[in-house]
Amino acid sequence: MAQQVIHPMVKLQRNVQSLVDSKIIQPTDSIWKIALLFGDDWQFWKQELLEFGFSMQDPISELLSVEAWDEEE
């Protein structure tokens, strides 16, 4: 039985959802706000988000609403 690999963006999405659930950030906050919480890893995540068409001014709810992180090949 093959193990399914979780897309890195799903991990980010889960982390961000946890921050929203903990009331650390709000769904209406801009994505750039999570930069402060991801520290050294932010450059990687920012690039990933930009590649998926997000801007840093988009609300966090936009990130959380993505159901599938399919990449074009």
PDB file of N, CA and C in Angstrom:
ATOM      1  N   MET A   1       0.840  -1.177   0.000  1.00  0.00           N
ATOM      2  CA  MET A   1       0.000   0.000   0.000  1.00  0.00           C
ATOM      3  C   MET A   1       0.888   1.244   0.000  1.00  0.00           C
ATOM      4  N   ALA A   2       0.699   2.089  -0.980  1.00  0.00           N
ATOM      5  CA  ALA A   2       1.522   3.293  -1.107  1.00  0.00           C
ATOM      6  C   ALA A   2       1.056   4.365  -0.131  1.00  0.00           C
ATOM      7  N   GLN A   3       2.031   5.050   0.426  1.00  0.00           N
ATOM      8  CA  GLN A   3       1.721   6.141   1.338  1.00  0.00           C
ATOM      9  C   GLN A   3       1.554   7.428   0.531  1.00  0.00           C
ATOM     10  N   GLN A   4       0.499   8.169   0.832  1.00  0.00           N
ATOM     11  CA  GLN A   4       0.260   9.415   0.111  1.00  0.00           C
ATOM     12  C   GLN A   4       1.072  10.539   0.750  1.00  0.00           C
ATOM     13  N   VAL A   5       1.772  11.274  -0.090  1.00  0.00           N
ATOM     14  CA  VAL A   5       2.586  12.383   0.381  1.00  0.00           C
ATOM     15  C   VAL A   5       1.701  13.628   0.450  1.00  0.00           C
ATOM     16  N   ILE A   6       1.758  14.326   1.572  1.00  0.00           N
ATOM     17  CA  ILE A   6       0.975  15.550   1.738  1.00  0.00           C
ATOM     18  C   ILE A   6       1.707  16.699   1.058  1.00  0.00           C
ATOM     19  N   HIS A   7       0.981  17.426   0.231  1.00  0.00           N
ATOM     20  CA  HIS A   7       1.550  18.589  -0.463  1.00  0.00           C
ATOM     21  C   HIS A   7       2.000  19.608   0.582  1.00  0.00           C
ATOM     22  N   PRO A   8       3.167  20.222   0.394  1.00  0.00           N
ATOM     23  CA  PRO A   8       3.654  21.218   1.365  1.00  0.00           C
ATOM     24  C   PRO A   8       2.650  22.335   1.654  1.00  0.00           C
ATOM     25  N   MET A   9       1.877  22.717   0.643  1.00  0.00           N
ATOM     26  CA  MET A   9       0.902  23.786   0.852  1.00  0.00           C
ATOM     27  C   MET A   9      -0.235  23.338   1.778  1.00  0.00           C
ATOM     28  N   VAL A  10      -0.528  22.045   1.791  1.00  0.00           N
ATOM     29  CA  VAL A  10      -1.543  21.528   2.716  1.00  0.00           C
ATOM     30  C   VAL A  10      -1.035  21.686   4.144  1.00  0.00           C
ATOM     31  N   LYS A  11       0.256  21.421   4.348  1.00  0.00           N
ATOM     32  CA  LYS A  11       0.847  21.599   5.681  1.00  0.00           C
ATOM     33  C   LYS A  11       0.771  23.063   6.112  1.00  0.00           C
ATOM     34  N   LEU A  12       1.101  23.974   5.194  1.00  0.00           N
ATOM     35  CA  LEU A  12       1.013  25.406   5.496  1.00  0.00           C
ATOM     36  C   LEU A  12      -0.425  25.778   5.821  1.00  0.00           C
ATOM     37  N   GLN A  13      -1.351  25.294   5.015  1.00  0.00           N
ATOM     38  CA  GLN A  13      -2.764  25.588   5.210  1.00  0.00           C
ATOM     39  C   GLN A  13      -3.226  25.112   6.592  1.00  0.00           C
ATOM     40  N   ARG A  14      -2.802  23.926   6.990  1.00  0.00           N
ATOM     41  CA  ARG A  14      -3.173  23.393   8.313  1.00  0.00           C
ATOM     42  C   ARG A  14      -2.574  24.228   9.433  1.00  0.00           C
ATOM     43  N   ASN A  15      -1.323  24.646   9.265  1.00  0.00           N
ATOM     44  CA  ASN A  15      -0.682  25.497  10.276  1.00  0.00           C
ATOM     45  C   ASN A  15      -1.414  26.829  10.416  1.00  0.00           C
ATOM     46  N   VAL A  16      -1.763  27.416   9.285  1.00  0.00           N
ATOM     47  CA  VAL A  16      -2.460  28.709   9.299  1.00  0.00           C
ATOM     48  C   VAL A  16      -3.857  28.537   9.906  1.00  0.00           C
ATOM     49  N   GLN A  17      -4.542  27.451   9.555  1.00  0.00           N
ATOM     50  CA  GLN A  17      -5.871  27.196  10.133  1.00  0.00           C
ATOM     51  C   GLN A  17      -5.775  27.070  11.649  1.00  0.00           C
ATOM     52  N   SER A  18      -4.733  26.421  12.124  1.00  0.00           N
ATOM     53  CA  SER A  18      -4.513  26.290  13.562  1.00  0.00           C
ATOM     54  C   SER A  18      -4.312  27.659  14.216  1.00  0.00           C
ATOM     55  N   LEU A  19      -3.590  28.552  13.545  1.00  0.00           N
ATOM     56  CA  LEU A  19      -3.381  29.902  14.064  1.00  0.00           C
ATOM     57  C   LEU A  19      -4.698  30.677  14.120  1.00  0.00           C
ATOM     58  N   VAL A  20      -5.548  30.487  13.117  1.00  0.00           N
ATOM     59  CA  VAL A  20      -6.860  31.137  13.099  1.00  0.00           C
ATOM     60  C   VAL A  20      -7.728  30.567  14.221  1.00  0.00           C
ATOM     61  N   ASP A  21      -7.716  29.239  14.362  1.00  0.00           N
ATOM     62  CA  ASP A  21      -8.505  28.590  15.418  1.00  0.00           C
ATOM     63  C   ASP A  21      -8.077  29.053  16.805  1.00  0.00           C
ATOM     64  N   SER A  22      -6.786  29.340  16.953  1.00  0.00           N
ATOM     65  CA  SER A  22      -6.241  29.804  18.238  1.00  0.00           C
ATOM     66  C   SER A  22      -6.436  31.303  18.436  1.00  0.00           C
ATOM     67  N   LYS A  23      -7.062  31.957  17.450  1.00  0.00           N
ATOM     68  CA  LYS A  23      -7.327  33.407  17.475  1.00  0.00           C
ATOM     69  C   LYS A  23      -6.048  34.255  17.484  1.00  0.00           C
ATOM     70  N   ILE A  24      -4.954  33.676  16.982  1.00  0.00           N
ATOM     71  CA  ILE A  24      -3.693  34.416  16.868  1.00  0.00           C
ATOM     72  C   ILE A  24      -3.770  35.360  15.671  1.00  0.00           C
ATOM     73  N   ILE A  25      -4.416  34.890  14.613  1.00  0.00           N
ATOM     74  CA  ILE A  25      -4.673  35.707  13.432  1.00  0.00           C
ATOM     75  C   ILE A  25      -6.142  35.541  13.059  1.00  0.00           C
ATOM     76  N   GLN A  26      -6.637  36.448  12.229  1.00  0.00           N
ATOM     77  CA  GLN A  26      -8.034  36.419  11.788  1.00  0.00           C
ATOM     78  C   GLN A  26      -8.094  36.050  10.310  1.00  0.00           C
ATOM     79  N   PRO A  27      -9.170  35.407   9.859  1.00  0.00           N
ATOM     80  CA  PRO A  27      -9.304  35.077   8.431  1.00  0.00           C
ATOM     81  C   PRO A  27      -9.286  36.315   7.531  1.00  0.00           C
ATOM     82  N   THR A  28      -9.645  37.467   8.090  1.00  0.00           N
ATOM     83  CA  THR A  28      -9.659  38.699   7.307  1.00  0.00           C
ATOM     84  C   THR A  28      -8.300  39.396   7.257  1.00  0.00           C
ATOM     85  N   ASP A  29      -7.344  38.937   8.061  1.00  0.00           N
ATOM     86  CA  ASP A  29      -5.995  39.498   8.036  1.00  0.00           C
ATOM     87  C   ASP A  29      -5.342  39.206   6.687  1.00  0.00           C
ATOM     88  N   SER A  30      -4.412  40.052   6.280  1.00  0.00           N
ATOM     89  CA  SER A  30      -3.668  39.821   5.044  1.00  0.00           C
ATOM     90  C   SER A  30      -2.654  38.702   5.235  1.00  0.00           C
ATOM     91  N   ILE A  31      -2.359  38.007   4.138  1.00  0.00           N
ATOM     92  CA  ILE A  31      -1.411  36.890   4.189  1.00  0.00           C
ATOM     93  C   ILE A  31      -0.057  37.325   4.731  1.00  0.00           C
ATOM     94  N   TRP A  32       0.364  38.549   4.454  1.00  0.00           N
ATOM     95  CA  TRP A  32       1.688  38.992   4.913  1.00  0.00           C
ATOM     96  C   TRP A  32       1.838  38.883   6.427  1.00  0.00           C
ATOM     97  N   LYS A  33       0.723  38.906   7.158  1.00  0.00           N
ATOM     98  CA  LYS A  33       0.798  38.829   8.622  1.00  0.00           C
ATOM     99  C   LYS A  33       1.407  37.520   9.115  1.00  0.00           C
ATOM    100  N   ILE A  34       1.248  36.454   8.338  1.00  0.00           N
ATOM    101  CA  ILE A  34       1.823  35.184   8.786  1.00  0.00           C
ATOM    102  C   ILE A  34       3.343  35.159   8.635  1.00  0.00           C
ATOM    103  N   ALA A  35       3.885  36.107   7.878  1.00  0.00           N
ATOM    104  CA  ALA A  35       5.340  36.187   7.735  1.00  0.00           C
ATOM    105  C   ALA A  35       6.012  36.323   9.086  1.00  0.00           C
ATOM    106  N   LEU A  36       5.391  37.091   9.959  1.00  0.00           N
ATOM    107  CA  LEU A  36       5.953  37.304  11.293  1.00  0.00           C
ATOM    108  C   LEU A  36       5.994  36.016  12.106  1.00  0.00           C
ATOM    109  N   LEU A  37       5.106  35.085  11.790  1.00  0.00           N
ATOM    110  CA  LEU A  37       5.007  33.848  12.553  1.00  0.00           C
ATOM    111  C   LEU A  37       5.855  32.722  11.979  1.00  0.00           C
ATOM    112  N   PHE A  38       6.283  32.858  10.721  1.00  0.00           N
ATOM    113  CA  PHE A  38       7.054  31.797  10.088  1.00  0.00           C
ATOM    114  C   PHE A  38       8.545  32.082  10.024  1.00  0.00           C
ATOM    115  N   GLY A  39       8.956  33.265  10.427  1.00  0.00           N
ATOM    116  CA  GLY A  39      10.370  33.596  10.563  1.00  0.00           C
ATOM    117  C   GLY A  39      11.228  33.227   9.367  1.00  0.00           C
ATOM    118  N   ASP A  40      12.268  32.429   9.609  1.00  0.00           N
ATOM    119  CA  ASP A  40      13.245  32.073   8.581  1.00  0.00           C
ATOM    120  C   ASP A  40      12.643  31.292   7.423  1.00  0.00           C
ATOM    121  N   ASP A  41      11.551  30.585   7.655  1.00  0.00           N
ATOM    122  CA  ASP A  41      10.918  29.791   6.596  1.00  0.00           C
ATOM    123  C   ASP A  41      10.048  30.640   5.672  1.00  0.00           C
ATOM    124  N   TRP A  42       9.839  31.914   6.016  1.00  0.00           N
ATOM    125  CA  TRP A  42       8.894  32.731   5.276  1.00  0.00           C
ATOM    126  C   TRP A  42       9.253  32.892   3.805  1.00  0.00           C
ATOM    127  N   GLN A  43      10.523  33.076   3.474  1.00  0.00           N
ATOM    128  CA  GLN A  43      10.899  33.285   2.071  1.00  0.00           C
ATOM    129  C   GLN A  43      10.442  32.119   1.192  1.00  0.00           C
ATOM    130  N   PHE A  44      10.602  30.900   1.708  1.00  0.00           N
ATOM    131  CA  PHE A  44      10.140  29.723   0.972  1.00  0.00           C
ATOM    132  C   PHE A  44       8.626  29.766   0.777  1.00  0.00           C
ATOM    133  N   TRP A  45       7.889  30.003   1.867  1.00  0.00           N
ATOM    134  CA  TRP A  45       6.424  30.008   1.798  1.00  0.00           C
ATOM    135  C   TRP A  45       5.908  31.155   0.941  1.00  0.00           C
ATOM    136  N   LYS A  46       6.551  32.306   1.042  1.00  0.00           N
ATOM    137  CA  LYS A  46       6.136  33.452   0.227  1.00  0.00           C
ATOM    138  C   LYS A  46       6.260  33.117  -1.253  1.00  0.00           C
ATOM    139  N   GLN A  47       7.369  32.511  -1.642  1.00  0.00           N
ATOM    140  CA  GLN A  47       7.577  32.135  -3.043  1.00  0.00           C
ATOM    141  C   GLN A  47       6.516  31.135  -3.492  1.00  0.00           C
ATOM    142  N   GLU A  48       6.226  30.149  -2.639  1.00  0.00           N
ATOM    143  CA  GLU A  48       5.195  29.160  -2.965  1.00  0.00           C
ATOM    144  C   GLU A  48       3.838  29.846  -3.168  1.00  0.00           C
ATOM    145  N   LEU A  49       3.485  30.734  -2.265  1.00  0.00           N
ATOM    146  CA  LEU A  49       2.208  31.439  -2.367  1.00  0.00           C
ATOM    147  C   LEU A  49       2.132  32.269  -3.639  1.00  0.00           C
ATOM    148  N   LEU A  50       3.212  32.967  -3.962  1.00  0.00           N
ATOM    149  CA  LEU A  50       3.245  33.779  -5.175  1.00  0.00           C
ATOM    150  C   LEU A  50       3.083  32.902  -6.416  1.00  0.00           C
ATOM    151  N   GLU A  51       3.714  31.730  -6.411  1.00  0.00           N
ATOM    152  CA  GLU A  51       3.612  30.823  -7.553  1.00  0.00           C
ATOM    153  C   GLU A  51       2.181  30.310  -7.732  1.00  0.00           C
ATOM    154  N   PHE A  52       1.427  30.237  -6.656  1.00  0.00           N
ATOM    155  CA  PHE A  52       0.038  29.808  -6.735  1.00  0.00           C
ATOM    156  C   PHE A  52      -0.914  30.978  -6.979  1.00  0.00           C
ATOM    157  N   GLY A  53      -0.355  32.165  -7.216  1.00  0.00           N
ATOM    158  CA  GLY A  53      -1.176  33.306  -7.604  1.00  0.00           C
ATOM    159  C   GLY A  53      -1.695  34.167  -6.462  1.00  0.00           C
ATOM    160  N   PHE A  54      -1.188  33.951  -5.272  1.00  0.00           N
ATOM    161  CA  PHE A  54      -1.610  34.780  -4.142  1.00  0.00           C
ATOM    162  C   PHE A  54      -0.782  36.055  -4.092  1.00  0.00           C
ATOM    163  N   SER A  55      -1.367  37.112  -3.554  1.00  0.00           N
ATOM    164  CA  SER A  55      -0.583  38.306  -3.248  1.00  0.00           C
ATOM    165  C   SER A  55      -0.531  38.401  -1.726  1.00  0.00           C
ATOM    166  N   MET A  56       0.409  39.156  -1.237  1.00  0.00           N
ATOM    167  CA  MET A  56       0.568  39.254   0.214  1.00  0.00           C
ATOM    168  C   MET A  56      -0.554  40.072   0.857  1.00  0.00           C
ATOM    169  N   GLN A  57      -1.362  40.761   0.021  1.00  0.00           N
ATOM    170  CA  GLN A  57      -2.478  41.550   0.533  1.00  0.00           C
ATOM    171  C   GLN A  57      -3.785  40.743   0.558  1.00  0.00           C
ATOM    172  N   ASP A  58      -3.779  39.556  -0.050  1.00  0.00           N
ATOM    173  CA  ASP A  58      -4.983  38.718  -0.031  1.00  0.00           C
ATOM    174  C   ASP A  58      -5.324  38.329   1.401  1.00  0.00           C
ATOM    175  N   PRO A  59      -6.612  38.193   1.707  1.00  0.00           N
ATOM    176  CA  PRO A  59      -6.978  37.759   3.055  1.00  0.00           C
ATOM    177  C   PRO A  59      -6.607  36.289   3.284  1.00  0.00           C
ATOM    178  N   ILE A  60      -6.302  35.964   4.509  1.00  0.00           N
ATOM    179  CA  ILE A  60      -5.933  34.600   4.879  1.00  0.00           C
ATOM    180  C   ILE A  60      -7.047  33.617   4.512  1.00  0.00           C
ATOM    181  N   SER A  61      -8.291  34.071   4.538  1.00  0.00           N
ATOM    182  CA  SER A  61      -9.411  33.197   4.185  1.00  0.00           C
ATOM    183  C   SER A  61      -9.270  32.643   2.764  1.00  0.00           C
ATOM    184  N   GLU A  62      -8.631  33.410   1.856  1.00  0.00           N
ATOM    185  CA  GLU A  62      -8.397  32.932   0.484  1.00  0.00           C
ATOM    186  C   GLU A  62      -7.484  31.705   0.496  1.00  0.00           C
ATOM    187  N   LEU A  63      -6.458  31.754   1.313  1.00  0.00           N
ATOM    188  CA  LEU A  63      -5.532  30.627   1.443  1.00  0.00           C
ATOM    189  C   LEU A  63      -6.245  29.411   2.023  1.00  0.00           C
ATOM    190  N   LEU A  64      -7.061  29.654   3.029  1.00  0.00           N
ATOM    191  CA  LEU A  64      -7.749  28.550   3.706  1.00  0.00           C
ATOM    192  C   LEU A  64      -8.851  27.925   2.858  1.00  0.00           C
ATOM    193  N   SER A  65      -9.349  28.652   1.866  1.00  0.00           N
ATOM    194  CA  SER A  65     -10.462  28.142   1.059  1.00  0.00           C
ATOM    195  C   SER A  65     -10.025  27.211  -0.076  1.00  0.00           C
ATOM    196  N   VAL A  66      -8.722  27.106  -0.320  1.00  0.00           N
ATOM    197  CA  VAL A  66      -8.240  26.234  -1.391  1.00  0.00           C
ATOM    198  C   VAL A  66      -8.486  24.784  -1.006  1.00  0.00           C
ATOM    199  N   GLU A  67      -9.134  24.049  -1.907  1.00  0.00           N
ATOM    200  CA  GLU A  67      -9.468  22.651  -1.623  1.00  0.00           C
ATOM    201  C   GLU A  67      -8.441  21.677  -2.174  1.00  0.00           C
ATOM    202  N   ALA A  68      -7.762  22.048  -3.237  1.00  0.00           N
ATOM    203  CA  ALA A  68      -6.764  21.153  -3.832  1.00  0.00           C
ATOM    204  C   ALA A  68      -5.586  21.973  -4.346  1.00  0.00           C
ATOM    205  N   TRP A  69      -4.397  21.486  -4.083  1.00  0.00           N
ATOM    206  CA  TRP A  69      -3.175  22.174  -4.484  1.00  0.00           C
ATOM    207  C   TRP A  69      -2.539  21.456  -5.676  1.00  0.00           C
ATOM    208  N   ASP A  70      -3.306  21.307  -6.741  1.00  0.00           N
ATOM    209  CA  ASP A  70      -2.783  20.645  -7.928  1.00  0.00           C
ATOM    210  C   ASP A  70      -1.833  21.585  -8.648  1.00  0.00           C
ATOM    211  N   GLU A  71      -0.703  21.018  -9.033  1.00  0.00           N
ATOM    212  CA  GLU A  71       0.271  21.826  -9.774  1.00  0.00           C
ATOM    213  C   GLU A  71       0.205  21.451 -11.234  1.00  0.00           C
ATOM    214  N   GLU A  72       0.295  22.443 -12.088  1.00  0.00           N
ATOM    215  CA  GLU A  72       0.326  22.211 -13.532  1.00  0.00           C
ATOM    216  C   GLU A  72       1.670  21.584 -13.874  1.00  0.00           C
ATOM    217  N   GLU A  73       1.625  20.553 -14.695  1.00  0.00           N
ATOM    218  CA  GLU A  73       2.897  19.925 -15.092  1.00  0.00           C
ATOM    219  C   GLU A  73       3.210  20.170 -16.531  1.00  0.00           C
TER     220      GLU A  73
END
